[in-house]
C-alpha atoms as a PDB file:
ATOM      1  CA  MET A   1      -4.886  -5.401 -18.014  1.00  0.00           C
ATOM      2  CA  LYS A   2      -4.590  -6.978 -14.560  1.00  0.00           C
ATOM      3  CA  ILE A   3      -3.814  -4.358 -11.942  1.00  0.00           C
ATOM      4  CA  GLY A   4      -2.677  -4.977  -8.379  1.00  0.00           C
ATOM      5  CA  LEU A   5      -3.880  -2.385  -5.878  1.00  0.00           C
ATOM      6  CA  TYR A   6      -1.412  -1.712  -3.084  1.00  0.00           C
ATOM      7  CA  PHE A   7      -3.090   0.470  -0.437  1.00  0.00           C
ATOM      8  CA  GLY A   8      -1.228   2.452   2.208  1.00  0.00           C
ATOM      9  CA  THR A   9      -0.784   5.763   3.948  1.00  0.00           C
ATOM     10  CA  PHE A  10       2.817   5.757   2.623  1.00  0.00           C
ATOM     11  CA  ASN A  11       3.811   8.059   5.484  1.00  0.00           C
ATOM     12  CA  PRO A  12       6.475   8.043   4.054  1.00  0.00           C
ATOM     13  CA  ILE A  13       6.861   5.599   1.191  1.00  0.00           C
ATOM     14  CA  HIS A  14      10.097   3.639   1.728  1.00  0.00           C
ATOM     15  CA  VAL A  15      12.235   1.026  -0.014  1.00  0.00           C
ATOM     16  CA  GLY A  16      10.234  -1.775   1.633  1.00  0.00           C
ATOM     17  CA  HIS A  17       7.089  -0.621  -0.194  1.00  0.00           C
ATOM     18  CA  LEU A  18       9.005  -0.492  -3.479  1.00  0.00           C
ATOM     19  CA  ILE A  19      10.535  -3.945  -2.962  1.00  0.00           C
ATOM     20  CA  ILE A  20       7.061  -5.464  -2.472  1.00  0.00           C
ATOM     21  CA  ALA A  21       5.438  -3.500  -5.336  1.00  0.00           C
ATOM     22  CA  ASN A  22       8.265  -4.289  -7.758  1.00  0.00           C
ATOM     23  CA  HIS A  23       8.271  -7.973  -6.760  1.00  0.00           C
ATOM     24  CA  MET A  24       4.528  -8.174  -7.460  1.00  0.00           C
ATOM     25  CA  ALA A  25       5.006  -6.430 -10.841  1.00  0.00           C
ATOM     26  CA  GLU A  26       7.896  -8.670 -11.902  1.00  0.00           C
ATOM     27  CA  HIS A  27       7.036 -12.067 -10.382  1.00  0.00           C
ATOM     28  CA  THR A  28       3.244 -12.426 -10.705  1.00  0.00           C
ATOM     29  CA  ASP A  29       0.728 -12.154 -13.538  1.00  0.00           C
ATOM     30  CA  LEU A  30      -0.073  -8.546 -12.546  1.00  0.00           C
ATOM     31  CA  ASP A  31       0.622  -6.083 -15.379  1.00  0.00           C
ATOM     32  CA  GLN A  32       0.759  -2.964 -13.211  1.00  0.00           C
ATOM     33  CA  ILE A  33       0.757  -2.024  -9.551  1.00  0.00           C
ATOM     34  CA  TRP A  34      -1.212   1.030  -8.475  1.00  0.00           C
ATOM     35  CA  MET A  35      -0.038   2.508  -5.173  1.00  0.00           C
ATOM     36  CA  ILE A  36      -3.309   3.798  -3.684  1.00  0.00           C
ATOM     37  CA  VAL A  37      -2.529   6.574  -1.203  1.00  0.00           C
ATOM     38  CA  THR A  38      -5.062   6.374   1.615  1.00  0.00           C
ATOM     39  CA  PRO A  39      -6.377   9.813   2.579  1.00  0.00           C
ATOM     40  CA  HIS A  40      -6.351  11.119   6.100  1.00  0.00           C
ATOM     41  CA  ASN A  41      -9.561  10.134   7.851  1.00  0.00           C
ATOM     42  CA  PRO A  42     -11.019  13.480   8.992  1.00  0.00           C
ATOM     43  CA  LEU A  43     -12.548  11.744  12.018  1.00  0.00           C
ATOM     44  CA  LYS A  44      -9.160  10.606  13.304  1.00  0.00           C
ATOM     45  CA  LYS A  45      -6.540  12.906  14.761  1.00  0.00           C
ATOM     46  CA  LYS A  46      -3.108  11.761  13.710  1.00  0.00           C
ATOM     47  CA  SER A  47      -0.503  14.472  13.943  1.00  0.00           C
ATOM     48  CA  THR A  48       2.252  12.307  12.426  1.00  0.00           C
ATOM     49  CA  LEU A  49       0.299  11.822   9.182  1.00  0.00           C
ATOM     50  CA  LEU A  50       1.471  14.228   6.485  1.00  0.00           C
ATOM     51  CA  ASP A  51      -1.010  16.009   4.253  1.00  0.00           C
ATOM     52  CA  ASP A  52      -2.494  13.750   1.554  1.00  0.00           C
ATOM     53  CA  TYR A  53      -0.809  15.591  -1.320  1.00  0.00           C
ATOM     54  CA  HIS A  54       2.655  15.502   0.281  1.00  0.00           C
ATOM     55  CA  ARG A  55       2.350  11.717   0.634  1.00  0.00           C
ATOM     56  CA  LEU A  56       1.048  11.381  -2.932  1.00  0.00           C
ATOM     57  CA  HIS A  57       3.924  13.533  -4.209  1.00  0.00           C
ATOM     58  CA  MET A  58       6.448  11.282  -2.445  1.00  0.00           C
ATOM     59  CA  VAL A  59       4.870   8.224  -4.106  1.00  0.00           C
ATOM     60  CA  HIS A  60       5.257  10.013  -7.469  1.00  0.00           C
ATOM     61  CA  LEU A  61       8.921  10.714  -6.659  1.00  0.00           C
ATOM     62  CA  ALA A  62       9.550   7.129  -5.524  1.00  0.00           C
ATOM     63  CA  THR A  63       7.898   5.408  -8.500  1.00  0.00           C
ATOM     64  CA  ALA A  64       9.019   7.703 -11.336  1.00  0.00           C
ATOM     65  CA  SER A  65      11.597   5.209 -12.629  1.00  0.00           C
ATOM     66  CA  TYR A  66       9.320   2.141 -12.286  1.00  0.00           C
ATOM     67  CA  PRO A  67       7.129   1.941 -15.415  1.00  0.00           C
ATOM     68  CA  LYS A  68       4.912  -0.821 -13.983  1.00  0.00           C
ATOM     69  CA  ILE A  69       4.201   1.049 -10.707  1.00  0.00           C
ATOM     70  CA  LYS A  70       1.782   4.006 -10.712  1.00  0.00           C
ATOM     71  CA  PRO A  71       0.691   6.350  -7.903  1.00  0.00           C
ATOM     72  CA  SER A  72      -3.055   6.811  -7.409  1.00  0.00           C
ATOM     73  CA  ASP A  73      -5.136   9.389  -5.559  1.00  0.00           C
ATOM     74  CA  ILE A  74      -8.420   7.623  -6.400  1.00  0.00           C
ATOM     75  CA  GLU A  75      -9.491   7.472  -2.744  1.00  0.00           C
ATOM     76  CA  PHE A  76      -9.048  11.249  -2.319  1.00  0.00           C
ATOM     77  CA  LYS A  77     -12.181  11.692  -4.435  1.00  0.00           C
ATOM     78  CA  LEU A  78     -14.358   9.165  -2.575  1.00  0.00           C
ATOM     79  CA  PRO A  79     -16.557   9.951   0.455  1.00  0.00           C
ATOM     80  CA  GLN A  80     -14.875   9.435   3.827  1.00  0.00           C
ATOM     81  CA  PRO A  81     -14.620   7.245   5.757  1.00  0.00           C
ATOM     82  CA  ASN A  82     -14.086   4.884   2.843  1.00  0.00           C
ATOM     83  CA  TYR A  83     -14.018   1.105   2.590  1.00  0.00           C
ATOM     84  CA  THR A  84     -11.965  -1.008   0.176  1.00  0.00           C
ATOM     85  CA  ILE A  85     -15.133  -2.448  -1.380  1.00  0.00           C
ATOM     86  CA  ASN A  86     -16.248   1.090  -2.358  1.00  0.00           C
ATOM     87  CA  THR A  87     -12.889   1.773  -4.025  1.00  0.00           C
ATOM     88  CA  LEU A  88     -13.060  -1.515  -5.928  1.00  0.00           C
ATOM     89  CA  VAL A  89     -16.612  -0.831  -7.162  1.00  0.00           C
ATOM     90  CA  HIS A  90     -15.624   2.710  -8.190  1.00  0.00           C
ATOM     91  CA  LEU A  91     -12.525   1.505 -10.075  1.00  0.00           C
ATOM     92  CA  GLN A  92     -14.425  -1.283 -11.824  1.00  0.00           C
ATOM     93  CA  GLU A  93     -17.078   1.208 -12.989  1.00  0.00           C
ATOM     94  CA  LYS A  94     -14.453   3.727 -14.119  1.00  0.00           C
ATOM     95  CA  HIS A  95     -12.160   1.144 -15.772  1.00  0.00           C
ATOM     96  CA  PRO A  96     -14.277  -1.829 -16.919  1.00  0.00           C
ATOM     97  CA  GLU A  97     -11.444  -2.835 -19.256  1.00  0.00           C
ATOM     98  CA  HIS A  98      -9.186  -3.734 -16.295  1.00  0.00           C
ATOM     99  CA  GLU A  99      -9.226  -6.553 -13.779  1.00  0.00           C
ATOM    100  CA  PHE A 100      -8.365  -5.388 -10.259  1.00  0.00           C
ATOM    101  CA  ALA A 101      -6.670  -7.452  -7.561  1.00  0.00           C
ATOM    102  CA  LEU A 102      -5.644  -6.564  -4.001  1.00  0.00           C
ATOM    103  CA  ILE A 103      -2.125  -6.737  -2.594  1.00  0.00           C
ATOM    104  CA  MET A 104      -1.880  -7.173   1.171  1.00  0.00           C
ATOM    105  CA  GLY A 105       0.382  -8.477   3.903  1.00  0.00           C
ATOM    106  CA  GLU A 106      -0.348 -11.709   5.767  1.00  0.00           C
ATOM    107  CA  ASP A 107      -1.389  -9.653   8.796  1.00  0.00           C
ATOM    108  CA  ASN A 108      -4.232  -8.030   6.811  1.00  0.00           C
ATOM    109  CA  LEU A 109      -5.371 -11.369   5.430  1.00  0.00           C
ATOM    110  CA  LYS A 110      -5.972 -12.546   8.999  1.00  0.00           C
ATOM    111  CA  SER A 111      -8.483  -9.755   9.578  1.00  0.00           C
ATOM    112  CA  LEU A 112     -10.094  -9.925   6.120  1.00  0.00           C
ATOM    113  CA  HIS A 113     -13.210 -11.547   7.591  1.00  0.00           C
ATOM    114  CA  LYS A 114     -13.817  -8.267   9.489  1.00  0.00           C
ATOM    115  CA  TRP A 115     -13.751  -6.118   6.334  1.00  0.00           C
ATOM    116  CA  LYS A 116     -16.957  -4.627   4.995  1.00  0.00           C
ATOM    117  CA  ASN A 117     -18.394  -6.940   2.282  1.00  0.00           C
ATOM    118  CA  TYR A 118     -15.300  -9.157   2.328  1.00  0.00           C
ATOM    119  CA  GLU A 119     -17.316 -11.932   0.657  1.00  0.00           C
ATOM    120  CA  ALA A 120     -17.950  -9.688  -2.373  1.00  0.00           C
ATOM    121  CA  ILE A 121     -14.264  -8.752  -2.504  1.00  0.00           C
ATOM    122  CA  LEU A 122     -13.294 -12.436  -2.585  1.00  0.00           C
ATOM    123  CA  GLU A 123     -15.966 -13.243  -5.131  1.00  0.00           C
ATOM    124  CA  HIS A 124     -14.843 -10.616  -7.643  1.00  0.00           C
ATOM    125  CA  HIS A 125     -11.142  -9.983  -6.940  1.00  0.00           C
ATOM    126  CA  SER A 126      -7.962 -11.988  -6.485  1.00  0.00           C
ATOM    127  CA  ILE A 127      -5.778 -11.216  -3.490  1.00  0.00           C
ATOM    128  CA  TYR A 128      -1.984 -11.369  -3.612  1.00  0.00           C
ATOM    129  CA  VAL A 129      -0.493 -11.859  -0.159  1.00  0.00           C
ATOM    130  CA  TYR A 130       3.100 -11.109   0.805  1.00  0.00           C
ATOM    131  CA  PRO A 131       4.767 -12.459   3.966  1.00  0.00           C
ATOM    132  CA  ARG A 132       5.225 -10.343   7.083  1.00  0.00           C
ATOM    133  CA  VAL A 133       7.678 -10.834   9.940  1.00  0.00           C
ATOM    134  CA  ASN A 134       6.102 -12.420  13.039  1.00  0.00           C
ATOM    135  CA  SER A 135       2.656 -12.582  11.553  1.00  0.00           C
ATOM    136  CA  GLY A 136       2.002 -15.849  13.429  1.00  0.00           C
ATOM    137  CA  PRO A 137      -0.009 -18.795  12.146  1.00  0.00           C
ATOM    138  CA  GLU A 138      -1.946 -18.329   8.916  1.00  0.00           C
ATOM    139  CA  ASN A 139      -5.680 -17.764   8.898  1.00  0.00           C
ATOM    140  CA  LEU A 140      -6.881 -21.242   7.980  1.00  0.00           C
ATOM    141  CA  ALA A 141     -10.241 -19.904   6.821  1.00  0.00           C
ATOM    142  CA  PHE A 142      -8.629 -18.401   3.712  1.00  0.00           C
ATOM    143  CA  SER A 143      -5.550 -20.595   3.174  1.00  0.00           C
ATOM    144  CA  ASP A 144      -7.242 -22.775   0.517  1.00  0.00           C
ATOM    145  CA  HIS A 145      -9.388 -20.085  -1.094  1.00  0.00           C
ATOM    146  CA  PRO A 146      -8.935 -20.094  -4.906  1.00  0.00           C
ATOM    147  CA  LYS A 147      -8.717 -16.266  -5.058  1.00  0.00           C
ATOM    148  CA  ILE A 148      -5.884 -16.065  -2.470  1.00  0.00           C
ATOM    149  CA  ASN A 149      -2.379 -16.154  -3.962  1.00  0.00           C
ATOM    150  CA  VAL A 150       0.385 -16.323  -1.367  1.00  0.00           C
ATOM    151  CA  ILE A 151       3.483 -14.904  -3.063  1.00  0.00           C
ATOM    152  CA  ASP A 152       6.998 -15.872  -2.085  1.00  0.00           C
ATOM    153  CA  ALA A 153       8.077 -12.237  -1.849  1.00  0.00           C
ATOM    154  CA  PRO A 154      10.979 -10.891   0.207  1.00  0.00           C
ATOM    155  CA  VAL A 155      10.194 -10.319   3.886  1.00  0.00           C
ATOM    156  CA  VAL A 156      10.854  -6.636   4.527  1.00  0.00           C
ATOM    157  CA  GLU A 157      11.189  -5.480   8.105  1.00  0.00           C
ATOM    158  CA  ILE A 158      11.023  -1.712   7.609  1.00  0.00           C
ATOM    159  CA  SER A 159       8.190   0.410   8.898  1.00  0.00           C
ATOM    160  CA  ALA A 160       7.227   4.015   8.280  1.00  0.00           C
ATOM    161  CA  THR A 161       6.874   4.417  12.075  1.00  0.00           C
ATOM    162  CA  PHE A 162      10.519   3.362  12.525  1.00  0.00           C
ATOM    163  CA  ILE A 163      11.561   5.878   9.862  1.00  0.00           C
ATOM    164  CA  ARG A 164       9.543   8.738  11.404  1.00  0.00           C
ATOM    165  CA  ASP A 165      10.836   7.983  14.919  1.00  0.00           C
ATOM    166  CA  ASN A 166      14.428   7.941  13.703  1.00  0.00           C
ATOM    167  CA  ILE A 167      14.071  11.178  11.741  1.00  0.00           C
ATOM    168  CA  LYS A 168      12.697  12.800  14.900  1.00  0.00           C
ATOM    169  CA  THR A 169      15.771  11.681  16.906  1.00  0.00           C
ATOM    170  CA  GLY A 170      18.207  12.793  14.191  1.00  0.00           C
ATOM    171  CA  LYS A 171      19.333   9.351  13.013  1.00  0.00           C
ATOM    172  CA  ASN A 172      20.450   8.754   9.426  1.00  0.00           C
ATOM    173  CA  ILE A 173      17.804   6.615   7.723  1.00  0.00           C
ATOM    174  CA  ARG A 174      18.653   7.629   4.135  1.00  0.00           C
ATOM    175  CA  PRO A 175      19.260   4.035   2.945  1.00  0.00           C
ATOM    176  CA  LEU A 176      15.632   3.193   3.812  1.00  0.00           C
ATOM    177  CA  LEU A 177      14.148   5.816   1.487  1.00  0.00           C
ATOM    178  CA  PRO A 178      14.325   6.453  -2.254  1.00  0.00           C
ATOM    179  CA  HIS A 179      16.783   9.320  -2.800  1.00  0.00           C
ATOM    180  CA  ASP A 180      14.183  11.825  -4.073  1.00  0.00           C
ATOM    181  CA  VAL A 181      11.857  11.022  -1.160  1.00  0.00           C
ATOM    182  CA  TRP A 182      14.672  11.610   1.341  1.00  0.00           C
ATOM    183  CA  GLU A 183      15.483  14.967  -0.298  1.00  0.00           C
ATOM    184  CA  TYR A 184      11.828  16.015  -0.203  1.00  0.00           C
ATOM    185  CA  LEU A 185      11.451  15.061   3.476  1.00  0.00           C
ATOM    186  CA  ASP A 186      14.700  16.762   4.431  1.00  0.00           C
ATOM    187  CA  HIS A 187      13.951  19.931   2.447  1.00  0.00           C
ATOM    188  CA  ASN A 188      10.520  20.236   4.094  1.00  0.00           C
ATOM    189  CA  ASN A 189      11.719  19.245   7.582  1.00  0.00           C
ATOM    190  CA  PHE A 190       9.010  16.586   7.791  1.00  0.00           C
ATOM    191  CA  TYR A 191       8.792  14.375  10.894  1.00  0.00           C
ATOM    192  CA  LYS A 192      11.517  16.332  12.696  1.00  0.00           C
ATOM    193  CA  LYS A 193       9.232  17.577  15.480  1.00  0.00           C
END
């Protein structure tokens, strides 16, 4: 099976994440999309970042009715701070029957050359790139690379920061979140302070 890995803090997961993940599952050769919830880096203080398991639970709630999209806590079990290459090596060892690819926005592709062991990532894994608003000119170094697949996916201009800021100021952002995620956030009073 060919699995697309979609990494994020998902703080919180929103409809933009689901639009991208579902588009990749339905309009590429990827069989499944695994939403890899990035754990909180213990070396970084970020008060707006919810506990790892709350964020993972919201991804479970959001993806429950999408059979091709699966939540993953694989990085919770890896030493921190972690690098994408370590996760890929771990997954390949644990699941040799699968082929793993990365899903990233154009903005991340531009900084790929700064990633740890990016050459090894490109050698062994395909990368599926979705467009971002105002991402500027493409990184020409990777535009012709045979492992880079630029996907004509919808451009989604929703950010988790925007959602958190609006919850804090009491604005209604329900249309931007899956229903069960909204209920969970509201019930737990997340992001209100």
